[in-house]
Amino acid sequence: MKKWRFSAERIIAMIKEQEGGVATAEVCRKHGLSTASFYKYESKFGGLDVSDARKLKALADENAKLKKLLAEQILDNAMLKDVASRKG
């Protein structure tokens, strides 16, 4: 999973700042990020609170861990089938 340059709390603070009336370009210039990145973050974190963002990150981490475990199990299963087919 890609590591973000900004924490979820900081991204949400930037979005709230922009929603408070500050121009998007000004928020981006102040925090040193492109408008495209800002809108990407806004689509992902818009409407979330900090606690919701933490839950989202925890779920994404758990999902990545489970995908890795599944891939390892599929690989083990394929190896066992290969060995069994060679013996029989």
N, C-alpha and C. Protein backbone atom coordinates (compact mmCIF):
# COMPACT_ATOMS: atom_id res chain seq x y z
N MET A 1 0.83 -1.17 0.00
CA MET A 1 0.00 0.00 0.00
C MET A 1 0.88 1.25 0.00
N LYS A 2 0.48 2.22 -0.77
CA LYS A 2 1.27 3.43 -0.91
C LYS A 2 1.21 4.26 0.37
N LYS A 3 2.36 4.76 0.79
CA LYS A 3 2.42 5.59 1.98
C LYS A 3 2.16 7.03 1.57
N TRP A 4 1.25 7.68 2.29
CA TRP A 4 0.93 9.07 1.99
C TRP A 4 1.97 9.99 2.59
N ARG A 5 2.17 11.11 1.91
CA ARG A 5 3.11 12.11 2.39
C ARG A 5 2.54 12.84 3.62
N PHE A 6 1.23 12.98 3.65
CA PHE A 6 0.57 13.67 4.75
C PHE A 6 -0.25 12.66 5.55
N SER A 7 -0.37 12.91 6.84
CA SER A 7 -1.20 12.05 7.67
C SER A 7 -2.67 12.33 7.37
N ALA A 8 -3.52 11.39 7.74
CA ALA A 8 -4.95 11.55 7.51
C ALA A 8 -5.47 12.78 8.27
N GLU A 9 -4.96 13.02 9.46
CA GLU A 9 -5.39 14.17 10.23
C GLU A 9 -5.06 15.48 9.52
N ARG A 10 -3.86 15.53 8.94
CA ARG A 10 -3.44 16.75 8.24
C ARG A 10 -4.24 16.95 6.95
N ILE A 11 -4.53 15.86 6.25
CA ILE A 11 -5.32 15.96 5.03
C ILE A 11 -6.72 16.47 5.36
N ILE A 12 -7.33 15.93 6.41
CA ILE A 12 -8.66 16.37 6.80
C ILE A 12 -8.65 17.84 7.22
N ALA A 13 -7.59 18.25 7.90
CA ALA A 13 -7.47 19.66 8.29
C ALA A 13 -7.37 20.56 7.05
N MET A 14 -6.64 20.12 6.03
CA MET A 14 -6.55 20.90 4.79
C MET A 14 -7.91 21.01 4.11
N ILE A 15 -8.65 19.91 4.09
CA ILE A 15 -9.97 19.92 3.45
C ILE A 15 -10.92 20.84 4.21
N LYS A 16 -10.88 20.77 5.54
CA LYS A 16 -11.74 21.64 6.36
C LYS A 16 -11.36 23.11 6.16
N GLU A 17 -10.07 23.38 6.00
CA GLU A 17 -9.61 24.74 5.74
C GLU A 17 -10.18 25.26 4.43
N GLN A 18 -10.15 24.41 3.40
CA GLN A 18 -10.69 24.80 2.10
C GLN A 18 -12.21 24.97 2.17
N GLU A 19 -12.88 24.10 2.92
CA GLU A 19 -14.33 24.22 3.07
C GLU A 19 -14.71 25.46 3.87
N GLY A 20 -13.78 25.96 4.68
CA GLY A 20 -14.01 27.16 5.48
C GLY A 20 -13.95 28.45 4.69
N GLY A 21 -13.61 28.37 3.42
CA GLY A 21 -13.62 29.57 2.60
C GLY A 21 -12.30 29.96 1.99
N VAL A 22 -11.23 29.29 2.33
CA VAL A 22 -9.93 29.59 1.75
C VAL A 22 -9.88 28.96 0.36
N ALA A 23 -9.31 29.67 -0.59
CA ALA A 23 -9.23 29.17 -1.96
C ALA A 23 -8.37 27.91 -2.02
N THR A 24 -8.77 27.00 -2.90
CA THR A 24 -8.06 25.72 -3.03
C THR A 24 -6.60 25.95 -3.39
N ALA A 25 -6.34 26.86 -4.30
CA ALA A 25 -4.96 27.14 -4.71
C ALA A 25 -4.13 27.64 -3.54
N GLU A 26 -4.73 28.45 -2.68
CA GLU A 26 -4.02 28.98 -1.52
C GLU A 26 -3.70 27.87 -0.51
N VAL A 27 -4.65 26.97 -0.28
CA VAL A 27 -4.42 25.84 0.63
C VAL A 27 -3.29 24.96 0.09
N CYS A 28 -3.32 24.70 -1.21
CA CYS A 28 -2.29 23.86 -1.82
C CYS A 28 -0.93 24.51 -1.75
N ARG A 29 -0.86 25.80 -2.01
CA ARG A 29 0.42 26.52 -1.96
C ARG A 29 0.95 26.54 -0.52
N LYS A 30 0.06 26.74 0.45
CA LYS A 30 0.46 26.81 1.85
C LYS A 30 1.05 25.48 2.34
N HIS A 31 0.46 24.37 1.88
CA HIS A 31 0.89 23.05 2.35
C HIS A 31 1.84 22.34 1.39
N GLY A 32 2.10 22.95 0.25
CA GLY A 32 3.07 22.39 -0.69
C GLY A 32 2.59 21.14 -1.40
N LEU A 33 1.36 21.18 -1.91
CA LEU A 33 0.89 20.05 -2.68
C LEU A 33 0.13 20.55 -3.89
N SER A 34 0.03 19.70 -4.89
CA SER A 34 -0.63 20.10 -6.13
C SER A 34 -2.14 20.06 -5.96
N THR A 35 -2.84 20.79 -6.81
CA THR A 35 -4.30 20.78 -6.73
C THR A 35 -4.86 19.41 -7.08
N ALA A 36 -4.18 18.70 -7.99
CA ALA A 36 -4.63 17.35 -8.34
C ALA A 36 -4.56 16.43 -7.11
N SER A 37 -3.49 16.53 -6.35
CA SER A 37 -3.37 15.72 -5.13
C SER A 37 -4.42 16.13 -4.12
N PHE A 38 -4.68 17.43 -4.02
CA PHE A 38 -5.70 17.91 -3.08
C PHE A 38 -7.06 17.31 -3.43
N TYR A 39 -7.43 17.36 -4.70
CA TYR A 39 -8.73 16.83 -5.10
C TYR A 39 -8.80 15.31 -4.94
N LYS A 40 -7.66 14.63 -5.12
CA LYS A 40 -7.62 13.18 -4.88
C LYS A 40 -7.86 12.90 -3.41
N TYR A 41 -7.19 13.65 -2.53
CA TYR A 41 -7.39 13.48 -1.10
C TYR A 41 -8.83 13.84 -0.71
N GLU A 42 -9.37 14.88 -1.34
CA GLU A 42 -10.72 15.31 -1.02
C GLU A 42 -11.74 14.24 -1.40
N SER A 43 -11.51 13.57 -2.53
CA SER A 43 -12.44 12.52 -2.92
C SER A 43 -12.35 11.33 -1.97
N LYS A 44 -11.19 11.10 -1.40
CA LYS A 44 -11.01 9.97 -0.50
C LYS A 44 -11.44 10.30 0.93
N PHE A 45 -11.11 11.49 1.42
CA PHE A 45 -11.33 11.86 2.81
C PHE A 45 -12.43 12.88 3.01
N GLY A 46 -13.05 13.39 1.96
CA GLY A 46 -14.08 14.40 2.10
C GLY A 46 -15.25 13.89 2.92
N GLY A 47 -15.66 14.64 3.91
CA GLY A 47 -16.77 14.24 4.75
C GLY A 47 -16.40 13.33 5.91
N LEU A 48 -15.14 12.98 6.04
CA LEU A 48 -14.71 12.11 7.14
C LEU A 48 -14.20 12.92 8.31
N ASP A 49 -14.37 12.36 9.49
CA ASP A 49 -13.72 12.92 10.68
C ASP A 49 -12.38 12.20 10.85
N VAL A 50 -11.58 12.67 11.77
CA VAL A 50 -10.27 12.07 12.01
C VAL A 50 -10.43 10.62 12.47
N SER A 51 -11.41 10.35 13.33
CA SER A 51 -11.61 8.98 13.81
C SER A 51 -12.03 8.06 12.66
N ASP A 52 -12.86 8.58 11.74
CA ASP A 52 -13.25 7.78 10.57
C ASP A 52 -12.05 7.47 9.69
N ALA A 53 -11.17 8.44 9.54
CA ALA A 53 -9.97 8.23 8.72
C ALA A 53 -9.06 7.18 9.35
N ARG A 54 -8.97 7.19 10.67
CA ARG A 54 -8.15 6.17 11.35
C ARG A 54 -8.73 4.79 11.14
N LYS A 55 -10.07 4.69 11.22
CA LYS A 55 -10.73 3.40 10.98
C LYS A 55 -10.49 2.94 9.55
N LEU A 56 -10.57 3.88 8.61
CA LEU A 56 -10.34 3.56 7.21
C LEU A 56 -8.93 3.03 7.00
N LYS A 57 -7.94 3.66 7.63
CA LYS A 57 -6.56 3.20 7.50
C LYS A 57 -6.38 1.83 8.13
N ALA A 58 -7.00 1.61 9.28
CA ALA A 58 -6.90 0.30 9.93
C ALA A 58 -7.51 -0.79 9.06
N LEU A 59 -8.65 -0.49 8.45
CA LEU A 59 -9.28 -1.47 7.57
C LEU A 59 -8.44 -1.73 6.33
N ALA A 60 -7.82 -0.69 5.79
CA ALA A 60 -6.97 -0.86 4.61
C ALA A 60 -5.75 -1.71 4.95
N ASP A 61 -5.16 -1.49 6.13
CA ASP A 61 -4.02 -2.30 6.56
C ASP A 61 -4.42 -3.76 6.75
N GLU A 62 -5.58 -3.98 7.38
CA GLU A 62 -6.05 -5.35 7.58
C GLU A 62 -6.34 -6.02 6.25
N ASN A 63 -6.91 -5.28 5.32
CA ASN A 63 -7.21 -5.81 4.00
C ASN A 63 -5.93 -6.22 3.28
N ALA A 64 -4.90 -5.41 3.36
CA ALA A 64 -3.62 -5.74 2.73
C ALA A 64 -3.01 -6.99 3.35
N LYS A 65 -3.11 -7.10 4.67
CA LYS A 65 -2.58 -8.28 5.37
C LYS A 65 -3.32 -9.54 4.93
N LEU A 66 -4.64 -9.45 4.84
CA LEU A 66 -5.44 -10.61 4.44
C LEU A 66 -5.17 -11.01 2.99
N LYS A 67 -4.97 -10.03 2.12
CA LYS A 67 -4.64 -10.33 0.73
C LYS A 67 -3.31 -11.05 0.63
N LYS A 68 -2.36 -10.64 1.45
CA LYS A 68 -1.05 -11.29 1.45
C LYS A 68 -1.16 -12.74 1.93
N LEU A 69 -1.94 -12.95 3.00
CA LEU A 69 -2.15 -14.30 3.50
C LEU A 69 -2.84 -15.19 2.47
N LEU A 70 -3.82 -14.64 1.78
CA LEU A 70 -4.52 -15.40 0.74
C LEU A 70 -3.58 -15.77 -0.39
N ALA A 71 -2.74 -14.84 -0.80
CA ALA A 71 -1.78 -15.13 -1.87
C ALA A 71 -0.82 -16.23 -1.45
N GLU A 72 -0.37 -16.21 -0.21
CA GLU A 72 0.53 -17.26 0.28
C GLU A 72 -0.17 -18.61 0.30
N GLN A 73 -1.44 -18.65 0.71
CA GLN A 73 -2.19 -19.90 0.73
C GLN A 73 -2.41 -20.45 -0.67
N ILE A 74 -2.69 -19.59 -1.62
CA ILE A 74 -2.87 -20.02 -3.01
C ILE A 74 -1.57 -20.60 -3.55
N LEU A 75 -0.47 -19.96 -3.24
CA LEU A 75 0.84 -20.44 -3.68
C LEU A 75 1.16 -21.80 -3.05
N ASP A 76 0.91 -21.94 -1.77
CA ASP A 76 1.13 -23.23 -1.10
C ASP A 76 0.27 -24.33 -1.71
N ASN A 77 -0.98 -24.00 -1.98
CA ASN A 77 -1.90 -24.97 -2.58
C ASN A 77 -1.41 -25.39 -3.97
N ALA A 78 -0.95 -24.44 -4.75
CA ALA A 78 -0.45 -24.75 -6.09
C ALA A 78 0.79 -25.65 -6.01
N MET A 79 1.69 -25.36 -5.06
CA MET A 79 2.88 -26.18 -4.90
C MET A 79 2.52 -27.61 -4.50
N LEU A 80 1.57 -27.77 -3.58
CA LEU A 80 1.14 -29.11 -3.15
C LEU A 80 0.50 -29.89 -4.30
N LYS A 81 -0.29 -29.21 -5.11
CA LYS A 81 -0.91 -29.87 -6.27
C LYS A 81 0.16 -30.30 -7.27
N ASP A 82 1.16 -29.48 -7.45
CA ASP A 82 2.25 -29.81 -8.37
C ASP A 82 3.02 -31.05 -7.88
N VAL A 83 3.33 -31.08 -6.59
CA VAL A 83 4.05 -32.22 -6.02
C VAL A 83 3.19 -33.48 -6.10
N ALA A 84 1.91 -33.37 -5.82
CA ALA A 84 1.03 -34.53 -5.88
C ALA A 84 0.86 -35.06 -7.29
N SER A 85 0.86 -34.19 -8.27
CA SER A 85 0.71 -34.64 -9.65
C SER A 85 1.99 -35.34 -10.15
N ARG A 86 3.13 -34.95 -9.64
CA ARG A 86 4.38 -35.57 -10.05
C ARG A 86 4.54 -36.97 -9.44
N LYS A 87 4.02 -37.17 -8.24
CA LYS A 87 4.14 -38.46 -7.58
C LYS A 87 3.13 -39.47 -8.14
N GLY A 88 1.98 -38.98 -8.57
CA GLY A 88 0.92 -39.89 -9.01
C GLY A 88 0.94 -40.02 -10.46
